[in-house]
Amino acid sequence: MSEDVAMIALLALAGFLYGGAYSTWKTARPLAIALGVAGVLATAGAVLYLL
């Protein structure tokens, strides 16, 4: 997989996770926090993959 495809896939995954965290915030806060943390990790992975 090329660098660009992997970075875009990780950023898409992060966006999906952030959306899930936003939508579950009022009903399941622990799950929303876990999804947010996973989104941060996916974003960090995409940024670090470039280096």
PDB file of N, CA and C in Angstrom:
ATOM      1  N   MET A   1       0.850  -1.171   0.000  1.00  0.00           N
ATOM      2  CA  MET A   1       0.000   0.000   0.000  1.00  0.00           C
ATOM      3  C   MET A   1       0.900   1.238   0.000  1.00  0.00           C
ATOM      4  N   SER A   2       0.594   2.192  -0.848  1.00  0.00           N
ATOM      5  CA  SER A   2       1.430   3.377  -0.908  1.00  0.00           C
ATOM      6  C   SER A   2       1.173   4.278   0.301  1.00  0.00           C
ATOM      7  N   GLU A   3       2.081   5.214   0.514  1.00  0.00           N
ATOM      8  CA  GLU A   3       1.981   6.106   1.671  1.00  0.00           C
ATOM      9  C   GLU A   3       0.697   6.923   1.651  1.00  0.00           C
ATOM     10  N   ASP A   4       0.325   7.424   0.474  1.00  0.00           N
ATOM     11  CA  ASP A   4      -0.855   8.274   0.391  1.00  0.00           C
ATOM     12  C   ASP A   4      -2.128   7.504   0.711  1.00  0.00           C
ATOM     13  N   VAL A   5      -2.236   6.303   0.223  1.00  0.00           N
ATOM     14  CA  VAL A   5      -3.440   5.504   0.461  1.00  0.00           C
ATOM     15  C   VAL A   5      -3.561   5.149   1.941  1.00  0.00           C
ATOM     16  N   ALA A   6      -2.459   4.792   2.561  1.00  0.00           N
ATOM     17  CA  ALA A   6      -2.484   4.448   3.977  1.00  0.00           C
ATOM     18  C   ALA A   6      -2.847   5.655   4.826  1.00  0.00           C
ATOM     19  N   MET A   7      -2.294   6.814   4.500  1.00  0.00           N
ATOM     20  CA  MET A   7      -2.607   8.021   5.257  1.00  0.00           C
ATOM     21  C   MET A   7      -4.075   8.404   5.103  1.00  0.00           C
ATOM     22  N   ILE A   8      -4.593   8.329   3.899  1.00  0.00           N
ATOM     23  CA  ILE A   8      -5.996   8.666   3.661  1.00  0.00           C
ATOM     24  C   ILE A   8      -6.909   7.674   4.368  1.00  0.00           C
ATOM     25  N   ALA A   9      -6.535   6.397   4.360  1.00  0.00           N
ATOM     26  CA  ALA A   9      -7.348   5.389   5.045  1.00  0.00           C
ATOM     27  C   ALA A   9      -7.368   5.630   6.551  1.00  0.00           C
ATOM     28  N   LEU A  10      -6.227   5.984   7.131  1.00  0.00           N
ATOM     29  CA  LEU A  10      -6.184   6.261   8.565  1.00  0.00           C
ATOM     30  C   LEU A  10      -6.980   7.514   8.912  1.00  0.00           C
ATOM     31  N   LEU A  11      -6.903   8.539   8.076  1.00  0.00           N
ATOM     32  CA  LEU A  11      -7.681   9.747   8.333  1.00  0.00           C
ATOM     33  C   LEU A  11      -9.174   9.493   8.168  1.00  0.00           C
ATOM     34  N   ALA A  12      -9.559   8.657   7.219  1.00  0.00           N
ATOM     35  CA  ALA A  12     -10.965   8.291   7.070  1.00  0.00           C
ATOM     36  C   ALA A  12     -11.452   7.508   8.278  1.00  0.00           C
ATOM     37  N   LEU A  13     -10.631   6.596   8.766  1.00  0.00           N
ATOM     38  CA  LEU A  13     -10.976   5.847   9.972  1.00  0.00           C
ATOM     39  C   LEU A  13     -11.119   6.782  11.166  1.00  0.00           C
ATOM     40  N   ALA A  14     -10.223   7.753  11.276  1.00  0.00           N
ATOM     41  CA  ALA A  14     -10.303   8.715  12.377  1.00  0.00           C
ATOM     42  C   ALA A  14     -11.593   9.524  12.297  1.00  0.00           C
ATOM     43  N   GLY A  15     -11.965   9.956  11.116  1.00  0.00           N
ATOM     44  CA  GLY A  15     -13.217  10.694  10.961  1.00  0.00           C
ATOM     45  C   GLY A  15     -14.419   9.856  11.330  1.00  0.00           C
ATOM     46  N   PHE A  16     -14.405   8.610  10.945  1.00  0.00           N
ATOM     47  CA  PHE A  16     -15.491   7.693  11.302  1.00  0.00           C
ATOM     48  C   PHE A  16     -15.573   7.526  12.819  1.00  0.00           C
ATOM     49  N   LEU A  17     -14.431   7.396  13.471  1.00  0.00           N
ATOM     50  CA  LEU A  17     -14.403   7.242  14.921  1.00  0.00           C
ATOM     51  C   LEU A  17     -14.859   8.510  15.632  1.00  0.00           C
ATOM     52  N   TYR A  18     -14.444   9.682  15.132  1.00  0.00           N
ATOM     53  CA  TYR A  18     -14.892  10.944  15.727  1.00  0.00           C
ATOM     54  C   TYR A  18     -16.399  11.112  15.580  1.00  0.00           C
ATOM     55  N   GLY A  19     -16.929  10.727  14.444  1.00  0.00           N
ATOM     56  CA  GLY A  19     -18.371  10.796  14.246  1.00  0.00           C
ATOM     57  C   GLY A  19     -19.122   9.874  15.193  1.00  0.00           C
ATOM     58  N   GLY A  20     -18.587   8.688  15.404  1.00  0.00           N
ATOM     59  CA  GLY A  20     -19.201   7.770  16.353  1.00  0.00           C
ATOM     60  C   GLY A  20     -19.140   8.299  17.772  1.00  0.00           C
ATOM     61  N   ALA A  21     -18.033   8.930  18.123  1.00  0.00           N
ATOM     62  CA  ALA A  21     -17.909   9.512  19.462  1.00  0.00           C
ATOM     63  C   ALA A  21     -18.912  10.639  19.650  1.00  0.00           C
ATOM     64  N   TYR A  22     -19.075  11.452  18.629  1.00  0.00           N
ATOM     65  CA  TYR A  22     -20.022  12.577  18.715  1.00  0.00           C
ATOM     66  C   TYR A  22     -21.460  12.082  18.839  1.00  0.00           C
ATOM     67  N   SER A  23     -21.790  11.054  18.086  1.00  0.00           N
ATOM     68  CA  SER A  23     -23.176  10.577  18.081  1.00  0.00           C
ATOM     69  C   SER A  23     -23.536   9.788  19.339  1.00  0.00           C
ATOM     70  N   THR A  24     -22.558   9.199  20.016  1.00  0.00           N
ATOM     71  CA  THR A  24     -22.862   8.418  21.214  1.00  0.00           C
ATOM     72  C   THR A  24     -22.594   9.172  22.509  1.00  0.00           C
ATOM     73  N   TRP A  25     -22.233  10.439  22.439  1.00  0.00           N
ATOM     74  CA  TRP A  25     -21.836  11.182  23.627  1.00  0.00           C
ATOM     75  C   TRP A  25     -22.943  11.249  24.681  1.00  0.00           C
ATOM     76  N   LYS A  26     -24.190  11.491  24.272  1.00  0.00           N
ATOM     77  CA  LYS A  26     -25.260  11.661  25.258  1.00  0.00           C
ATOM     78  C   LYS A  26     -25.769  10.343  25.823  1.00  0.00           C
ATOM     79  N   THR A  27     -25.598   9.256  25.118  1.00  0.00           N
ATOM     80  CA  THR A  27     -26.167   7.988  25.571  1.00  0.00           C
ATOM     81  C   THR A  27     -25.140   7.068  26.230  1.00  0.00           C
ATOM     82  N   ALA A  28     -23.926   7.043  25.733  1.00  0.00           N
ATOM     83  CA  ALA A  28     -22.908   6.127  26.257  1.00  0.00           C
ATOM     84  C   ALA A  28     -21.564   6.849  26.319  1.00  0.00           C
ATOM     85  N   ARG A  29     -21.352   7.596  27.377  1.00  0.00           N
ATOM     86  CA  ARG A  29     -20.128   8.397  27.482  1.00  0.00           C
ATOM     87  C   ARG A  29     -18.847   7.575  27.495  1.00  0.00           C
ATOM     88  N   PRO A  30     -18.783   6.463  28.218  1.00  0.00           N
ATOM     89  CA  PRO A  30     -17.514   5.692  28.183  1.00  0.00           C
ATOM     90  C   PRO A  30     -17.167   5.200  26.771  1.00  0.00           C
ATOM     91  N   LEU A  31     -18.175   4.778  26.030  1.00  0.00           N
ATOM     92  CA  LEU A  31     -17.930   4.352  24.647  1.00  0.00           C
ATOM     93  C   LEU A  31     -17.487   5.531  23.791  1.00  0.00           C
ATOM     94  N   ALA A  32     -18.105   6.686  23.996  1.00  0.00           N
ATOM     95  CA  ALA A  32     -17.727   7.874  23.228  1.00  0.00           C
ATOM     96  C   ALA A  32     -16.290   8.276  23.521  1.00  0.00           C
ATOM     97  N   ILE A  33     -15.887   8.169  24.764  1.00  0.00           N
ATOM     98  CA  ILE A  33     -14.510   8.506  25.118  1.00  0.00           C
ATOM     99  C   ILE A  33     -13.544   7.515  24.476  1.00  0.00           C
ATOM    100  N   ALA A  34     -13.896   6.253  24.496  1.00  0.00           N
ATOM    101  CA  ALA A  34     -13.041   5.238  23.871  1.00  0.00           C
ATOM    102  C   ALA A  34     -12.926   5.472  22.362  1.00  0.00           C
ATOM    103  N   LEU A  35     -14.037   5.831  21.727  1.00  0.00           N
ATOM    104  CA  LEU A  35     -13.991   6.108  20.285  1.00  0.00           C
ATOM    105  C   LEU A  35     -13.155   7.354  19.996  1.00  0.00           C
ATOM    106  N   GLY A  36     -13.260   8.352  20.851  1.00  0.00           N
ATOM    107  CA  GLY A  36     -12.449   9.557  20.680  1.00  0.00           C
ATOM    108  C   GLY A  36     -10.965   9.271  20.822  1.00  0.00           C
ATOM    109  N   VAL A  37     -10.616   8.457  21.794  1.00  0.00           N
ATOM    110  CA  VAL A  37      -9.211   8.085  21.984  1.00  0.00           C
ATOM    111  C   VAL A  37      -8.704   7.291  20.779  1.00  0.00           C
ATOM    112  N   ALA A  38      -9.526   6.386  20.282  1.00  0.00           N
ATOM    113  CA  ALA A  38      -9.134   5.625  19.088  1.00  0.00           C
ATOM    114  C   ALA A  38      -8.984   6.552  17.880  1.00  0.00           C
ATOM    115  N   GLY A  39      -9.828   7.564  17.782  1.00  0.00           N
ATOM    116  CA  GLY A  39      -9.699   8.539  16.703  1.00  0.00           C
ATOM    117  C   GLY A  39      -8.413   9.331  16.796  1.00  0.00           C
ATOM    118  N   VAL A  40      -8.045   9.715  18.005  1.00  0.00           N
ATOM    119  CA  VAL A  40      -6.781  10.433  18.205  1.00  0.00           C
ATOM    120  C   VAL A  40      -5.606   9.546  17.814  1.00  0.00           C
ATOM    121  N   LEU A  41      -5.669   8.277  18.191  1.00  0.00           N
ATOM    122  CA  LEU A  41      -4.589   7.357  17.826  1.00  0.00           C
ATOM    123  C   LEU A  41      -4.499   7.161  16.314  1.00  0.00           C
ATOM    124  N   ALA A  42      -5.647   7.086  15.644  1.00  0.00           N
ATOM    125  CA  ALA A  42      -5.633   6.935  14.186  1.00  0.00           C
ATOM    126  C   ALA A  42      -5.070   8.186  13.515  1.00  0.00           C
ATOM    127  N   THR A  43      -5.425   9.354  14.040  1.00  0.00           N
ATOM    128  CA  THR A  43      -4.880  10.604  13.489  1.00  0.00           C
ATOM    129  C   THR A  43      -3.377  10.674  13.710  1.00  0.00           C
ATOM    130  N   ALA A  44      -2.933  10.319  14.910  1.00  0.00           N
ATOM    131  CA  ALA A  44      -1.503  10.321  15.192  1.00  0.00           C
ATOM    132  C   ALA A  44      -0.766   9.326  14.307  1.00  0.00           C
ATOM    133  N   GLY A  45      -1.378   8.184  14.070  1.00  0.00           N
ATOM    134  CA  GLY A  45      -0.762   7.202  13.186  1.00  0.00           C
ATOM    135  C   GLY A  45      -0.616   7.713  11.760  1.00  0.00           C
ATOM    136  N   ALA A  46      -1.630   8.433  11.297  1.00  0.00           N
ATOM    137  CA  ALA A  46      -1.552   8.995   9.944  1.00  0.00           C
ATOM    138  C   ALA A  46      -0.460  10.042   9.841  1.00  0.00           C
ATOM    139  N   VAL A  47      -0.342  10.864  10.867  1.00  0.00           N
ATOM    140  CA  VAL A  47       0.695  11.908  10.838  1.00  0.00           C
ATOM    141  C   VAL A  47       2.087  11.289  10.949  1.00  0.00           C
ATOM    142  N   LEU A  48       2.233  10.335  11.849  1.00  0.00           N
ATOM    143  CA  LEU A  48       3.539   9.715  12.032  1.00  0.00           C
ATOM    144  C   LEU A  48       3.936   8.829  10.855  1.00  0.00           C
ATOM    145  N   TYR A  49       2.949   8.332  10.102  1.00  0.00           N
ATOM    146  CA  TYR A  49       3.249   7.504   8.943  1.00  0.00           C
ATOM    147  C   TYR A  49       3.977   8.314   7.867  1.00  0.00           C
ATOM    148  N   LEU A  50       3.735   9.613   7.849  1.00  0.00           N
ATOM    149  CA  LEU A  50       4.399  10.468   6.868  1.00  0.00           C
ATOM    150  C   LEU A  50       5.863  10.685   7.203  1.00  0.00           C
ATOM    151  N   LEU A  51       6.203  10.603   8.474  1.00  0.00           N
ATOM    152  CA  LEU A  51       7.583  10.870   8.880  1.00  0.00           C
ATOM    153  C   LEU A  51       8.404   9.653   8.657  1.00  0.00           C
TER     154      LEU A  51
END
